[in-house]
PDB file of all heavy atoms in Angstrom:
ATOM      1  N   SER A   1     -12.787  -7.206  -6.710  1.00  0.00           N
ATOM      2  CA  SER A   1     -12.625  -6.458  -7.965  1.00  0.00           C
ATOM      3  C   SER A   1     -11.762  -7.201  -8.973  1.00  0.00           C
ATOM      4  O   SER A   1     -11.868  -6.980 -10.182  1.00  0.00           O
ATOM      5  CB  SER A   1     -12.020  -5.082  -7.678  1.00  0.00           C
ATOM      6  OG  SER A   1     -10.684  -5.202  -7.206  1.00  0.00           O
ATOM      7  N   TYR A   2     -10.905  -8.105  -8.477  1.00  0.00           N
ATOM      8  CA  TYR A   2     -10.054  -8.887  -9.377  1.00  0.00           C
ATOM      9  C   TYR A   2     -10.592 -10.308  -9.589  1.00  0.00           C
ATOM     10  O   TYR A   2      -9.938 -11.121 -10.244  1.00  0.00           O
ATOM     11  CB  TYR A   2      -8.623  -8.942  -8.841  1.00  0.00           C
ATOM     12  CG  TYR A   2      -7.836  -7.678  -9.110  1.00  0.00           C
ATOM     13  CD1 TYR A   2      -7.919  -6.602  -8.230  1.00  0.00           C
ATOM     14  CD2 TYR A   2      -7.040  -7.548 -10.240  1.00  0.00           C
ATOM     15  CE1 TYR A   2      -7.212  -5.427  -8.468  1.00  0.00           C
ATOM     16  CE2 TYR A   2      -6.340  -6.382 -10.487  1.00  0.00           C
ATOM     17  CZ  TYR A   2      -6.431  -5.327  -9.599  1.00  0.00           C
ATOM     18  OH  TYR A   2      -5.730  -4.167  -9.841  1.00  0.00           O
ATOM     19  N   GLY A   3     -11.760 -10.605  -9.009  1.00  0.00           N
ATOM     20  CA  GLY A   3     -12.345 -11.927  -9.171  1.00  0.00           C
ATOM     21  C   GLY A   3     -11.545 -13.025  -8.506  1.00  0.00           C
ATOM     22  O   GLY A   3     -11.484 -14.162  -8.997  1.00  0.00           O
ATOM     23  N   LEU A   4     -10.921 -12.712  -7.367  1.00  0.00           N
ATOM     24  CA  LEU A   4     -10.072 -13.669  -6.664  1.00  0.00           C
ATOM     25  C   LEU A   4     -10.687 -14.067  -5.322  1.00  0.00           C
ATOM     26  O   LEU A   4     -11.457 -13.295  -4.728  1.00  0.00           O
ATOM     27  CB  LEU A   4      -8.685 -13.062  -6.417  1.00  0.00           C
ATOM     28  CG  LEU A   4      -7.886 -12.636  -7.655  1.00  0.00           C
ATOM     29  CD1 LEU A   4      -6.649 -11.854  -7.235  1.00  0.00           C
ATOM     30  CD2 LEU A   4      -7.504 -13.837  -8.497  1.00  0.00           C
ATOM     31  N   THR A   5     -10.347 -15.242  -4.858  1.00  0.00           N
ATOM     32  CA  THR A   5     -10.775 -15.671  -3.527  1.00  0.00           C
ATOM     33  C   THR A   5      -9.679 -15.460  -2.496  1.00  0.00           C
ATOM     34  O   THR A   5      -9.954 -15.323  -1.310  1.00  0.00           O
ATOM     35  CB  THR A   5     -11.176 -17.164  -3.536  1.00  0.00           C
ATOM     36  OG1 THR A   5     -10.068 -17.942  -4.025  1.00  0.00           O
ATOM     37  CG2 THR A   5     -12.392 -17.378  -4.427  1.00  0.00           C
ATOM     38  N   GLU A   6      -8.437 -15.429  -2.957  1.00  0.00           N
ATOM     39  CA  GLU A   6      -7.335 -15.152  -2.046  1.00  0.00           C
ATOM     40  C   GLU A   6      -6.150 -14.571  -2.804  1.00  0.00           C
ATOM     41  O   GLU A   6      -5.996 -14.788  -4.010  1.00  0.00           O
ATOM     42  CB  GLU A   6      -6.907 -16.413  -1.291  1.00  0.00           C
ATOM     43  CG  GLU A   6      -6.359 -17.524  -2.173  1.00  0.00           C
ATOM     44  CD  GLU A   6      -5.859 -18.704  -1.344  1.00  0.00           C
ATOM     45  OE1 GLU A   6      -5.164 -18.463  -0.335  1.00  0.00           O
ATOM     46  OE2 GLU A   6      -6.151 -19.846  -1.716  1.00  0.00           O
ATOM     47  N   LEU A   7      -5.346 -13.831  -2.085  1.00  0.00           N
ATOM     48  CA  LEU A   7      -4.137 -13.230  -2.641  1.00  0.00           C
ATOM     49  C   LEU A   7      -3.228 -12.912  -1.468  1.00  0.00           C
ATOM     50  O   LEU A   7      -3.641 -12.275  -0.504  1.00  0.00           O
ATOM     51  CB  LEU A   7      -4.476 -11.946  -3.409  1.00  0.00           C
ATOM     52  CG  LEU A   7      -3.342 -11.263  -4.173  1.00  0.00           C
ATOM     53  CD1 LEU A   7      -2.812 -12.163  -5.282  1.00  0.00           C
ATOM     54  CD2 LEU A   7      -3.827  -9.935  -4.770  1.00  0.00           C
ATOM     55  N   SER A   8      -2.005 -13.373  -1.546  1.00  0.00           N
ATOM     56  CA  SER A   8      -1.096 -13.144  -0.425  1.00  0.00           C
ATOM     57  C   SER A   8       0.320 -12.907  -0.943  1.00  0.00           C
ATOM     58  O   SER A   8       0.664 -13.276  -2.076  1.00  0.00           O
ATOM     59  CB  SER A   8      -1.115 -14.319   0.552  1.00  0.00           C
ATOM     60  OG  SER A   8      -0.727 -15.517  -0.095  1.00  0.00           O
ATOM     61  N   TYR A   9       1.120 -12.308  -0.086  1.00  0.00           N
ATOM     62  CA  TYR A   9       2.504 -11.977  -0.395  1.00  0.00           C
ATOM     63  C   TYR A   9       3.242 -13.198  -0.923  1.00  0.00           C
ATOM     64  O   TYR A   9       3.263 -14.266  -0.307  1.00  0.00           O
ATOM     65  CB  TYR A   9       3.174 -11.460   0.869  1.00  0.00           C
ATOM     66  CG  TYR A   9       4.630 -11.085   0.731  1.00  0.00           C
ATOM     67  CD1 TYR A   9       5.043 -10.154  -0.213  1.00  0.00           C
ATOM     68  CD2 TYR A   9       5.591 -11.650   1.571  1.00  0.00           C
ATOM     69  CE1 TYR A   9       6.375  -9.797  -0.320  1.00  0.00           C
ATOM     70  CE2 TYR A   9       6.925 -11.302   1.472  1.00  0.00           C
ATOM     71  CZ  TYR A   9       7.313 -10.369   0.519  1.00  0.00           C
ATOM     72  OH  TYR A   9       8.636 -10.018   0.412  1.00  0.00           O
ATOM     73  N   GLY A  10       3.841 -13.040  -2.097  1.00  0.00           N
ATOM     74  CA  GLY A  10       4.547 -14.143  -2.719  1.00  0.00           C
ATOM     75  C   GLY A  10       5.038 -13.749  -4.102  1.00  0.00           C
ATOM     76  O   GLY A  10       4.990 -12.573  -4.483  1.00  0.00           O
ATOM     77  N   LYS A  11       5.493 -14.705  -4.872  1.00  0.00           N
ATOM     78  CA  LYS A  11       6.137 -14.421  -6.151  1.00  0.00           C
ATOM     79  C   LYS A  11       5.235 -13.732  -7.170  1.00  0.00           C
ATOM     80  O   LYS A  11       5.734 -13.087  -8.093  1.00  0.00           O
ATOM     81  CB  LYS A  11       6.689 -15.720  -6.752  1.00  0.00           C
ATOM     82  CG  LYS A  11       7.906 -16.274  -6.009  1.00  0.00           C
ATOM     83  CD  LYS A  11       8.537 -17.427  -6.774  1.00  0.00           C
ATOM     84  CE  LYS A  11       9.838 -17.876  -6.103  1.00  0.00           C
ATOM     85  NZ  LYS A  11      10.533 -18.919  -6.884  1.00  0.00           N
ATOM     86  N   GLU A  12       3.928 -13.862  -7.012  1.00  0.00           N
ATOM     87  CA  GLU A  12       3.008 -13.199  -7.932  1.00  0.00           C
ATOM     88  C   GLU A  12       2.237 -12.069  -7.259  1.00  0.00           C
ATOM     89  O   GLU A  12       1.246 -11.581  -7.788  1.00  0.00           O
ATOM     90  CB  GLU A  12       2.051 -14.220  -8.563  1.00  0.00           C
ATOM     91  CG  GLU A  12       2.776 -15.209  -9.468  1.00  0.00           C
ATOM     92  CD  GLU A  12       1.837 -15.953 -10.387  1.00  0.00           C
ATOM     93  OE1 GLU A  12       0.622 -16.005 -10.104  1.00  0.00           O
ATOM     94  OE2 GLU A  12       2.321 -16.486 -11.414  1.00  0.00           O
ATOM     95  N   TYR A  13       2.711 -11.665  -6.093  1.00  0.00           N
ATOM     96  CA  TYR A  13       2.104 -10.519  -5.406  1.00  0.00           C
ATOM     97  C   TYR A  13       3.169  -9.836  -4.559  1.00  0.00           C
ATOM     98  O   TYR A  13       3.340 -10.128  -3.388  1.00  0.00           O
ATOM     99  CB  TYR A  13       0.923 -10.964  -4.537  1.00  0.00           C
ATOM    100  CG  TYR A  13       0.245  -9.825  -3.803  1.00  0.00           C
ATOM    101  CD1 TYR A  13      -0.434  -8.824  -4.496  1.00  0.00           C
ATOM    102  CD2 TYR A  13       0.286  -9.743  -2.407  1.00  0.00           C
ATOM    103  CE1 TYR A  13      -1.047  -7.773  -3.824  1.00  0.00           C
ATOM    104  CE2 TYR A  13      -0.323  -8.705  -1.722  1.00  0.00           C
ATOM    105  CZ  TYR A  13      -0.985  -7.723  -2.439  1.00  0.00           C
ATOM    106  OH  TYR A  13      -1.594  -6.682  -1.775  1.00  0.00           O
ATOM    107  N   ILE A  14       3.905  -8.927  -5.198  1.00  0.00           N
ATOM    108  CA  ILE A  14       4.985  -8.214  -4.528  1.00  0.00           C
ATOM    109  C   ILE A  14       4.666  -6.737  -4.331  1.00  0.00           C
ATOM    110  O   ILE A  14       5.410  -6.020  -3.665  1.00  0.00           O
ATOM    111  CB  ILE A  14       6.319  -8.357  -5.292  1.00  0.00           C
ATOM    112  CG1 ILE A  14       6.193  -7.816  -6.734  1.00  0.00           C
ATOM    113  CG2 ILE A  14       6.788  -9.811  -5.284  1.00  0.00           C
ATOM    114  CD1 ILE A  14       7.495  -7.797  -7.505  1.00  0.00           C
ATOM    115  N   LEU A  15       3.548  -6.285  -4.905  1.00  0.00           N
ATOM    116  CA  LEU A  15       3.102  -4.899  -4.763  1.00  0.00           C
ATOM    117  C   LEU A  15       1.593  -4.883  -4.554  1.00  0.00           C
ATOM    118  O   LEU A  15       0.879  -5.717  -5.132  1.00  0.00           O
ATOM    119  CB  LEU A  15       3.442  -4.082  -6.009  1.00  0.00           C
ATOM    120  CG  LEU A  15       4.891  -3.663  -6.202  1.00  0.00           C
ATOM    121  CD1 LEU A  15       5.117  -3.168  -7.623  1.00  0.00           C
ATOM    122  CD2 LEU A  15       5.276  -2.574  -5.189  1.00  0.00           C
ATOM    123  N   PRO A  16       1.084  -3.917  -3.777  1.00  0.00           N
ATOM    124  CA  PRO A  16      -0.368  -3.804  -3.639  1.00  0.00           C
ATOM    125  C   PRO A  16      -1.033  -3.500  -4.984  1.00  0.00           C
ATOM    126  O   PRO A  16      -0.395  -3.002  -5.914  1.00  0.00           O
ATOM    127  CB  PRO A  16      -0.539  -2.620  -2.676  1.00  0.00           C
ATOM    128  CG  PRO A  16       0.770  -2.467  -1.998  1.00  0.00           C
ATOM    129  CD  PRO A  16       1.801  -2.913  -2.984  1.00  0.00           C
ATOM    130  N   LYS A  17      -2.320  -3.798  -5.059  1.00  0.00           N
ATOM    131  CA  LYS A  17      -3.094  -3.460  -6.248  1.00  0.00           C
ATOM    132  C   LYS A  17      -3.474  -1.974  -6.202  1.00  0.00           C
ATOM    133  O   LYS A  17      -3.652  -1.392  -5.127  1.00  0.00           O
ATOM    134  CB  LYS A  17      -4.356  -4.311  -6.322  1.00  0.00           C
ATOM    135  CG  LYS A  17      -4.094  -5.818  -6.412  1.00  0.00           C
ATOM    136  CD  LYS A  17      -3.380  -6.190  -7.696  1.00  0.00           C
ATOM    137  CE  LYS A  17      -3.263  -7.707  -7.844  1.00  0.00           C
ATOM    138  NZ  LYS A  17      -2.532  -8.094  -9.075  1.00  0.00           N
ATOM    139  N   PRO A  18      -3.618  -1.329  -7.371  1.00  0.00           N
ATOM    140  CA  PRO A  18      -3.916   0.110  -7.395  1.00  0.00           C
ATOM    141  C   PRO A  18      -5.199   0.521  -6.680  1.00  0.00           C
ATOM    142  O   PRO A  18      -5.304   1.657  -6.236  1.00  0.00           O
ATOM    143  CB  PRO A  18      -4.000   0.415  -8.895  1.00  0.00           C
ATOM    144  CG  PRO A  18      -3.143  -0.616  -9.540  1.00  0.00           C
ATOM    145  CD  PRO A  18      -3.340  -1.860  -8.719  1.00  0.00           C
ATOM    146  N   ASN A  19      -6.170  -0.386  -6.576  1.00  0.00           N
ATOM    147  CA  ASN A  19      -7.434  -0.027  -5.918  1.00  0.00           C
ATOM    148  C   ASN A  19      -7.472  -0.423  -4.450  1.00  0.00           C
ATOM    149  O   ASN A  19      -8.541  -0.468  -3.845  1.00  0.00           O
ATOM    150  CB  ASN A  19      -8.615  -0.668  -6.658  1.00  0.00           C
ATOM    151  CG  ASN A  19      -8.571  -2.196  -6.609  1.00  0.00           C
ATOM    152  OD1 ASN A  19      -7.528  -2.790  -6.352  1.00  0.00           O
ATOM    153  ND2 ASN A  19      -9.709  -2.835  -6.867  1.00  0.00           N
ATOM    154  N   ASP A  20      -6.324  -0.674  -3.860  1.00  0.00           N
ATOM    155  CA  ASP A  20      -6.252  -1.044  -2.446  1.00  0.00           C
ATOM    156  C   ASP A  20      -6.596   0.173  -1.587  1.00  0.00           C
ATOM    157  O   ASP A  20      -5.892   1.192  -1.622  1.00  0.00           O
ATOM    158  CB  ASP A  20      -4.845  -1.548  -2.114  1.00  0.00           C
ATOM    159  CG  ASP A  20      -4.763  -2.237  -0.765  1.00  0.00           C
ATOM    160  OD1 ASP A  20      -5.411  -1.751   0.184  1.00  0.00           O
ATOM    161  OD2 ASP A  20      -4.058  -3.257  -0.650  1.00  0.00           O
ATOM    162  N   PRO A  21      -7.665   0.103  -0.797  1.00  0.00           N
ATOM    163  CA  PRO A  21      -8.086   1.276  -0.018  1.00  0.00           C
ATOM    164  C   PRO A  21      -7.119   1.652   1.097  1.00  0.00           C
ATOM    165  O   PRO A  21      -7.217   2.748   1.664  1.00  0.00           O
ATOM    166  CB  PRO A  21      -9.444   0.837   0.556  1.00  0.00           C
ATOM    167  CG  PRO A  21      -9.387  -0.656   0.600  1.00  0.00           C
ATOM    168  CD  PRO A  21      -8.561  -1.053  -0.588  1.00  0.00           C
ATOM    169  N   ARG A  22      -6.175   0.784   1.413  1.00  0.00           N
ATOM    170  CA  ARG A  22      -5.214   1.095   2.478  1.00  0.00           C
ATOM    171  C   ARG A  22      -4.183   2.122   2.042  1.00  0.00           C
ATOM    172  O   ARG A  22      -3.556   2.785   2.877  1.00  0.00           O
ATOM    173  CB  ARG A  22      -4.494  -0.180   2.921  1.00  0.00           C
ATOM    174  CG  ARG A  22      -5.396  -1.256   3.504  1.00  0.00           C
ATOM    175  CD  ARG A  22      -4.614  -2.545   3.744  1.00  0.00           C
ATOM    176  NE  ARG A  22      -4.091  -3.095   2.499  1.00  0.00           N
ATOM    177  CZ  ARG A  22      -3.199  -4.085   2.436  1.00  0.00           C
ATOM    178  NH1 ARG A  22      -2.727  -4.615   3.554  1.00  0.00           N
ATOM    179  NH2 ARG A  22      -2.777  -4.548   1.272  1.00  0.00           N
ATOM    180  N   LEU A  23      -3.981   2.268   0.744  1.00  0.00           N
ATOM    181  CA  LEU A  23      -2.927   3.149   0.241  1.00  0.00           C
ATOM    182  C   LEU A  23      -3.082   4.581   0.737  1.00  0.00           C
ATOM    183  O   LEU A  23      -2.105   5.208   1.152  1.00  0.00           O
ATOM    184  CB  LEU A  23      -2.917   3.123  -1.295  1.00  0.00           C
ATOM    185  CG  LEU A  23      -2.413   1.835  -1.941  1.00  0.00           C
ATOM    186  CD1 LEU A  23      -2.861   1.746  -3.399  1.00  0.00           C
ATOM    187  CD2 LEU A  23      -0.896   1.742  -1.848  1.00  0.00           C
ATOM    188  N   ILE A  24      -4.305   5.112   0.696  1.00  0.00           N
ATOM    189  CA  ILE A  24      -4.519   6.515   1.049  1.00  0.00           C
ATOM    190  C   ILE A  24      -4.273   6.776   2.526  1.00  0.00           C
ATOM    191  O   ILE A  24      -3.965   7.895   2.935  1.00  0.00           O
ATOM    192  CB  ILE A  24      -5.940   6.977   0.653  1.00  0.00           C
ATOM    193  CG1 ILE A  24      -6.105   8.493   0.801  1.00  0.00           C
ATOM    194  CG2 ILE A  24      -7.000   6.230   1.445  1.00  0.00           C
ATOM    195  CD1 ILE A  24      -5.162   9.316  -0.048  1.00  0.00           C
ATOM    196  N   ASN A  25      -4.371   5.753   3.345  1.00  0.00           N
ATOM    197  CA  ASN A  25      -4.124   5.925   4.774  1.00  0.00           C
ATOM    198  C   ASN A  25      -2.656   5.729   5.143  1.00  0.00           C
ATOM    199  O   ASN A  25      -2.135   6.399   6.038  1.00  0.00           O
ATOM    200  CB  ASN A  25      -4.982   4.934   5.577  1.00  0.00           C
ATOM    201  CG  ASN A  25      -6.464   5.162   5.394  1.00  0.00           C
ATOM    202  OD1 ASN A  25      -6.922   6.301   5.422  1.00  0.00           O
ATOM    203  ND2 ASN A  25      -7.216   4.091   5.199  1.00  0.00           N
ATOM    204  N   VAL A  26      -1.992   4.825   4.451  1.00  0.00           N
ATOM    205  CA  VAL A  26      -0.641   4.427   4.848  1.00  0.00           C
ATOM    206  C   VAL A  26       0.448   5.284   4.201  1.00  0.00           C
ATOM    207  O   VAL A  26       1.351   5.786   4.890  1.00  0.00           O
ATOM    208  CB  VAL A  26      -0.415   2.934   4.515  1.00  0.00           C
ATOM    209  CG1 VAL A  26       1.035   2.535   4.761  1.00  0.00           C
ATOM    210  CG2 VAL A  26      -1.346   2.063   5.353  1.00  0.00           C
ATOM    211  N   ILE A  27       0.401   5.462   2.868  1.00  0.00           N
ATOM    212  CA  ILE A  27       1.500   6.148   2.180  1.00  0.00           C
ATOM    213  C   ILE A  27       1.590   7.627   2.557  1.00  0.00           C
ATOM    214  O   ILE A  27       2.682   8.111   2.907  1.00  0.00           O
ATOM    215  CB  ILE A  27       1.390   5.974   0.651  1.00  0.00           C
ATOM    216  CG1 ILE A  27       1.216   4.494   0.275  1.00  0.00           C
ATOM    217  CG2 ILE A  27       2.631   6.551  -0.033  1.00  0.00           C
ATOM    218  CD1 ILE A  27       2.310   3.586   0.762  1.00  0.00           C
ATOM    219  N   PRO A  28       0.491   8.406   2.507  1.00  0.00           N
ATOM    220  CA  PRO A  28       0.609   9.816   2.894  1.00  0.00           C
ATOM    221  C   PRO A  28       1.129  10.005   4.314  1.00  0.00           C
ATOM    222  O   PRO A  28       1.931  10.914   4.568  1.00  0.00           O
ATOM    223  CB  PRO A  28      -0.829  10.334   2.753  1.00  0.00           C
ATOM    224  CG  PRO A  28      -1.455   9.453   1.745  1.00  0.00           C
ATOM    225  CD  PRO A  28      -0.863   8.099   1.999  1.00  0.00           C
ATOM    226  N   GLN A  29       0.691   9.167   5.232  1.00  0.00           N
ATOM    227  CA  GLN A  29       1.159   9.285   6.612  1.00  0.00           C
ATOM    228  C   GLN A  29       2.668   9.074   6.703  1.00  0.00           C
ATOM    229  O   GLN A  29       3.367   9.797   7.431  1.00  0.00           O
ATOM    230  CB  GLN A  29       0.429   8.276   7.496  1.00  0.00           C
ATOM    231  CG  GLN A  29       0.786   8.392   8.971  1.00  0.00           C
ATOM    232  CD  GLN A  29      -0.001   7.410   9.831  1.00  0.00           C
ATOM    233  OE1 GLN A  29      -0.864   6.697   9.348  1.00  0.00           O
ATOM    234  NE2 GLN A  29       0.308   7.382  11.115  1.00  0.00           N
ATOM    235  N   ALA A  30       3.172   8.093   5.966  1.00  0.00           N
ATOM    236  CA  ALA A  30       4.623   7.844   5.971  1.00  0.00           C
ATOM    237  C   ALA A  30       5.381   9.027   5.378  1.00  0.00           C
ATOM    238  O   ALA A  30       6.447   9.413   5.884  1.00  0.00           O
ATOM    239  CB  ALA A  30       4.926   6.573   5.189  1.00  0.00           C
ATOM    240  N   ILE A  31       4.847   9.592   4.305  1.00  0.00           N
ATOM    241  CA  ILE A  31       5.472  10.755   3.661  1.00  0.00           C
ATOM    242  C   ILE A  31       5.468  11.956   4.604  1.00  0.00           C
ATOM    243  O   ILE A  31       6.488  12.645   4.774  1.00  0.00           O
ATOM    244  CB  ILE A  31       4.733  11.095   2.353  1.00  0.00           C
ATOM    245  CG1 ILE A  31       4.987  10.021   1.291  1.00  0.00           C
ATOM    246  CG2 ILE A  31       5.145  12.472   1.833  1.00  0.00           C
ATOM    247  CD1 ILE A  31       6.372  10.006   0.733  1.00  0.00           C
ATOM    248  N   SER A  32       4.316  12.241   5.211  1.00  0.00           N
ATOM    249  CA  SER A  32       4.221  13.381   6.124  1.00  0.00           C
ATOM    250  C   SER A  32       5.196  13.238   7.286  1.00  0.00           C
ATOM    251  O   SER A  32       5.886  14.196   7.654  1.00  0.00           O
ATOM    252  CB  SER A  32       2.789  13.497   6.667  1.00  0.00           C
ATOM    253  OG  SER A  32       1.869  13.829   5.657  1.00  0.00           O
ATOM    254  N   GLN A  33       5.269  12.051   7.853  1.00  0.00           N
ATOM    255  CA  GLN A  33       6.157  11.824   8.996  1.00  0.00           C
ATOM    256  C   GLN A  33       7.616  12.005   8.604  1.00  0.00           C
ATOM    257  O   GLN A  33       8.403  12.615   9.340  1.00  0.00           O
ATOM    258  CB  GLN A  33       5.935  10.428   9.570  1.00  0.00           C
ATOM    259  CG  GLN A  33       6.656  10.182  10.878  1.00  0.00           C
ATOM    260  CD  GLN A  33       6.203  11.114  11.987  1.00  0.00           C
ATOM    261  OE1 GLN A  33       5.014  11.424  12.105  1.00  0.00           O
ATOM    262  NE2 GLN A  33       7.151  11.590  12.786  1.00  0.00           N
ATOM    263  N   ALA A  34       7.977  11.502   7.419  1.00  0.00           N
ATOM    264  CA  ALA A  34       9.357  11.661   6.949  1.00  0.00           C
ATOM    265  C   ALA A  34       9.677  13.118   6.672  1.00  0.00           C
ATOM    266  O   ALA A  34      10.806  13.582   6.912  1.00  0.00           O
ATOM    267  CB  ALA A  34       9.586  10.814   5.704  1.00  0.00           C
ATOM    268  N   ALA A  35       8.703  13.870   6.163  1.00  0.00           N
ATOM    269  CA  ALA A  35       8.911  15.301   5.916  1.00  0.00           C
ATOM    270  C   ALA A  35       9.142  16.037   7.228  1.00  0.00           C
ATOM    271  O   ALA A  35      10.023  16.907   7.322  1.00  0.00           O
ATOM    272  CB  ALA A  35       7.702  15.879   5.178  1.00  0.00           C
ATOM    273  N   ILE A  36       8.361  15.696   8.233  1.00  0.00           N
ATOM    274  CA  ILE A  36       8.521  16.325   9.552  1.00  0.00           C
ATOM    275  C   ILE A  36       9.893  15.991  10.130  1.00  0.00           C
ATOM    276  O   ILE A  36      10.632  16.874  10.590  1.00  0.00           O
ATOM    277  CB  ILE A  36       7.398  15.867  10.498  1.00  0.00           C
ATOM    278  CG1 ILE A  36       6.050  16.420  10.036  1.00  0.00           C
ATOM    279  CG2 ILE A  36       7.681  16.306  11.930  1.00  0.00           C
ATOM    280  CD1 ILE A  36       4.846  15.784  10.717  1.00  0.00           C
ATOM    281  N   GLU A  37      10.254  14.711  10.099  1.00  0.00           N
ATOM    282  CA  GLU A  37      11.514  14.280  10.697  1.00  0.00           C
ATOM    283  C   GLU A  37      12.736  14.817   9.957  1.00  0.00           C
ATOM    284  O   GLU A  37      13.789  15.019  10.578  1.00  0.00           O
ATOM    285  CB  GLU A  37      11.552  12.753  10.740  1.00  0.00           C
ATOM    286  CG  GLU A  37      10.552  12.153  11.710  1.00  0.00           C
ATOM    287  CD  GLU A  37      10.508  10.640  11.669  1.00  0.00           C
ATOM    288  OE1 GLU A  37      11.252  10.041  10.848  1.00  0.00           O
ATOM    289  OE2 GLU A  37       9.735  10.036  12.443  1.00  0.00           O
ATOM    290  N   SER A  38      12.597  15.039   8.651  1.00  0.00           N
ATOM    291  CA  SER A  38      13.743  15.548   7.877  1.00  0.00           C
ATOM    292  C   SER A  38      13.762  17.074   7.787  1.00  0.00           C
ATOM    293  O   SER A  38      14.635  17.651   7.128  1.00  0.00           O
ATOM    294  CB  SER A  38      13.733  14.940   6.466  1.00  0.00           C
ATOM    295  OG  SER A  38      12.554  15.291   5.762  1.00  0.00           O
ATOM    296  N   GLY A  39      12.803  17.729   8.429  1.00  0.00           N
ATOM    297  CA  GLY A  39      12.841  19.181   8.556  1.00  0.00           C
ATOM    298  C   GLY A  39      12.341  19.965   7.368  1.00  0.00           C
ATOM    299  O   GLY A  39      12.646  21.169   7.255  1.00  0.00           O
TER     300      GLY A  39
END
């Protein structure tokens, strides 16, 4: 979607891209778990 052949953690990639499909699986799970653990 960004017309790239590679992209990796470094000075020009410190945050995921908004269309990263992993976000919906990873962030909500972390939030839910923290909510459970913090009562």
